[in-house]
Every structure is written in C-alpha cells, then in structure tokens.
C-alpha atoms as a PDB file:
ATOM      1  CA  MET A   1     -20.635  21.572 -14.749  1.00  0.00           C
ATOM      2  CA  SER A   2     -17.243  22.938 -14.986  1.00  0.00           C
ATOM      3  CA  ALA A   3     -14.178  20.649 -16.164  1.00  0.00           C
ATOM      4  CA  LEU A   4     -12.728  21.056 -12.660  1.00  0.00           C
ATOM      5  CA  THR A   5     -15.761  19.477 -11.110  1.00  0.00           C
ATOM      6  CA  ILE A   6     -15.908  16.513 -13.541  1.00  0.00           C
ATOM      7  CA  ALA A   7     -12.201  15.926 -12.923  1.00  0.00           C
ATOM      8  CA  GLY A   8     -12.874  15.902  -9.251  1.00  0.00           C
ATOM      9  CA  ILE A   9     -15.695  13.450  -9.628  1.00  0.00           C
ATOM     10  CA  ALA A  10     -13.451  11.158 -11.736  1.00  0.00           C
ATOM     11  CA  LEU A  11     -10.525  11.378  -9.156  1.00  0.00           C
ATOM     12  CA  THR A  12     -12.857  10.628  -6.226  1.00  0.00           C
ATOM     13  CA  LEU A  13     -14.468   7.768  -7.934  1.00  0.00           C
ATOM     14  CA  ILE A  14     -10.976   6.257  -8.757  1.00  0.00           C
ATOM     15  CA  GLY A  15     -10.026   6.673  -5.021  1.00  0.00           C
ATOM     16  CA  ILE A  16     -13.264   5.245  -3.826  1.00  0.00           C
ATOM     17  CA  ALA A  17     -12.571   2.150  -5.967  1.00  0.00           C
ATOM     18  CA  GLY A  18      -9.084   1.843  -4.505  1.00  0.00           C
ATOM     19  CA  LEU A  19     -10.423   1.934  -1.156  1.00  0.00           C
ATOM     20  CA  THR A  20     -12.848  -0.710  -1.998  1.00  0.00           C
ATOM     21  CA  TYR A  21     -10.076  -2.790  -3.486  1.00  0.00           C
ATOM     22  CA  CYS A  22      -8.106  -2.556  -0.128  1.00  0.00           C
ATOM     23  CA  ILE A  23     -11.198  -3.491   1.843  1.00  0.00           C
ATOM     24  CA  VAL A  24     -11.723  -6.591  -0.284  1.00  0.00           C
ATOM     25  CA  LYS A  25      -8.125  -7.748  -0.229  1.00  0.00           C
ATOM     26  CA  ALA A  26      -7.976  -7.409   3.501  1.00  0.00           C
ATOM     27  CA  TYR A  27     -11.248  -9.419   4.070  1.00  0.00           C
ATOM     28  CA  GLN A  28      -9.908 -11.943   1.776  1.00  0.00           C
ATOM     29  CA  ALA A  29      -6.679 -12.265   3.789  1.00  0.00           C
ATOM     30  CA  LYS A  30      -8.780 -12.689   7.037  1.00  0.00           C
ATOM     31  CA  LYS A  31     -11.283 -15.114   5.323  1.00  0.00           C
ATOM     32  CA  LEU A  32      -7.991 -17.303   4.082  1.00  0.00           C
ATOM     33  CA  GLY A  33      -6.944 -17.491   7.687  1.00  0.00           C
ATOM     34  CA  LEU A  34      -3.651 -15.627   7.510  1.00  0.00           C
ATOM     35  CA  THR A  35      -1.919 -14.895  10.779  1.00  0.00           C
ATOM     36  CA  GLY A  36       1.199 -13.327  12.334  1.00  0.00           C
ATOM     37  CA  GLU A  37       3.876 -12.585   9.741  1.00  0.00           C
ATOM     38  CA  GLU A  38       1.877 -13.699   6.726  1.00  0.00           C
ATOM     39  CA  LEU A  39      -0.978 -11.274   7.538  1.00  0.00           C
ATOM     40  CA  THR A  40       1.482  -8.563   8.453  1.00  0.00           C
ATOM     41  CA  LYS A  41       3.118  -8.983   4.923  1.00  0.00           C
ATOM     42  CA  HIS A  42      -0.189  -8.985   3.088  1.00  0.00           C
ATOM     43  CA  LEU A  43      -1.422  -5.796   4.819  1.00  0.00           C
ATOM     44  CA  GLN A  44       1.766  -3.922   4.503  1.00  0.00           C
ATOM     45  CA  GLY A  45       1.420  -4.342   0.793  1.00  0.00           C
ATOM     46  CA  LEU A  46      -1.912  -2.781   0.959  1.00  0.00           C
ATOM     47  CA  VAL A  47      -0.961   0.337   2.926  1.00  0.00           C
ATOM     48  CA  ALA A  48       0.657   2.117  -0.185  1.00  0.00           C
ATOM     49  CA  VAL A  49      -2.548   1.474  -2.214  1.00  0.00           C
ATOM     50  CA  ASN A  50      -4.751   2.695   0.749  1.00  0.00           C
ATOM     51  CA  LEU A  51      -2.926   5.881   1.310  1.00  0.00           C
ATOM     52  CA  GLY A  52      -2.817   6.604  -2.488  1.00  0.00           C
ATOM     53  CA  ALA A  53      -6.583   5.752  -2.849  1.00  0.00           C
ATOM     54  CA  PHE A  54      -7.255   8.024   0.051  1.00  0.00           C
ATOM     55  CA  PHE A  55      -5.083  10.786  -1.323  1.00  0.00           C
ATOM     56  CA  LEU A  56      -6.849  10.663  -4.837  1.00  0.00           C
ATOM     57  CA  SER A  57     -10.201  10.786  -3.032  1.00  0.00           C
ATOM     58  CA  ALA A  58      -9.258  13.883  -0.919  1.00  0.00           C
ATOM     59  CA  ILE A  59      -7.826  15.650  -3.973  1.00  0.00           C
ATOM     60  CA  GLY A  60     -10.961  14.820  -5.966  1.00  0.00           C
ATOM     61  CA  LEU A  61     -13.369  16.207  -3.273  1.00  0.00           C
ATOM     62  CA  ALA A  62     -11.219  19.370  -3.121  1.00  0.00           C
ATOM     63  CA  LEU A  63     -11.511  19.747  -6.914  1.00  0.00           C
ATOM     64  CA  VAL A  64     -15.232  19.301  -6.700  1.00  0.00           C
ATOM     65  CA  ILE A  65     -15.558  21.923  -4.164  1.00  0.00           C
ATOM     66  CA  PHE A  66     -13.174  24.397  -5.990  1.00  0.00           C
ATOM     67  CA  GLY A  67     -15.307  23.598  -9.107  1.00  0.00           C
ATOM     68  CA  ILE A  68     -18.547  24.634  -7.393  1.00  0.00           C
ATOM     69  CA  LEU A  69     -17.058  27.729  -5.778  1.00  0.00           C
ATOM     70  CA  PHE A  70     -15.317  29.116  -8.873  1.00  0.00           C
END
C-alpha cells in the first residue's frame, strides 16, 4: 500500500468518527427532550463538526482512489 492510500484511510476513519459523534450528540439531544430554540442551538453547534467530518471523509476517499490508481 502506498502512503497516499494509508493517509486516505486514516482521514476517512477520522471523518467517520466525526460523523458518528454528530449522530450520537443529535440523538442525545432528542433523548433529553430538547425542543424549539434549545434544540436549534444544540444542533447549530453540530453543523460545523458535521461538515468538517464529511469533508475529511470525502478527501480521505479521494486520496484512497488516487493511491490505488497511481
């Protein structure tokens, strides 16, 4: 395996961990019974983490593809 593929796998796993974190935190907010403005504030805090995790996963998968092709 090339270093590019290994780096891609690592980034993808970090991104998936971030997405899992967002899912767990959103589920906990629902379980706590947050509604209205409280829920909105809690979920708005997760948006940046969610987008960052998705970005890392996408970049990681692109690196894996490049590592396999080249």
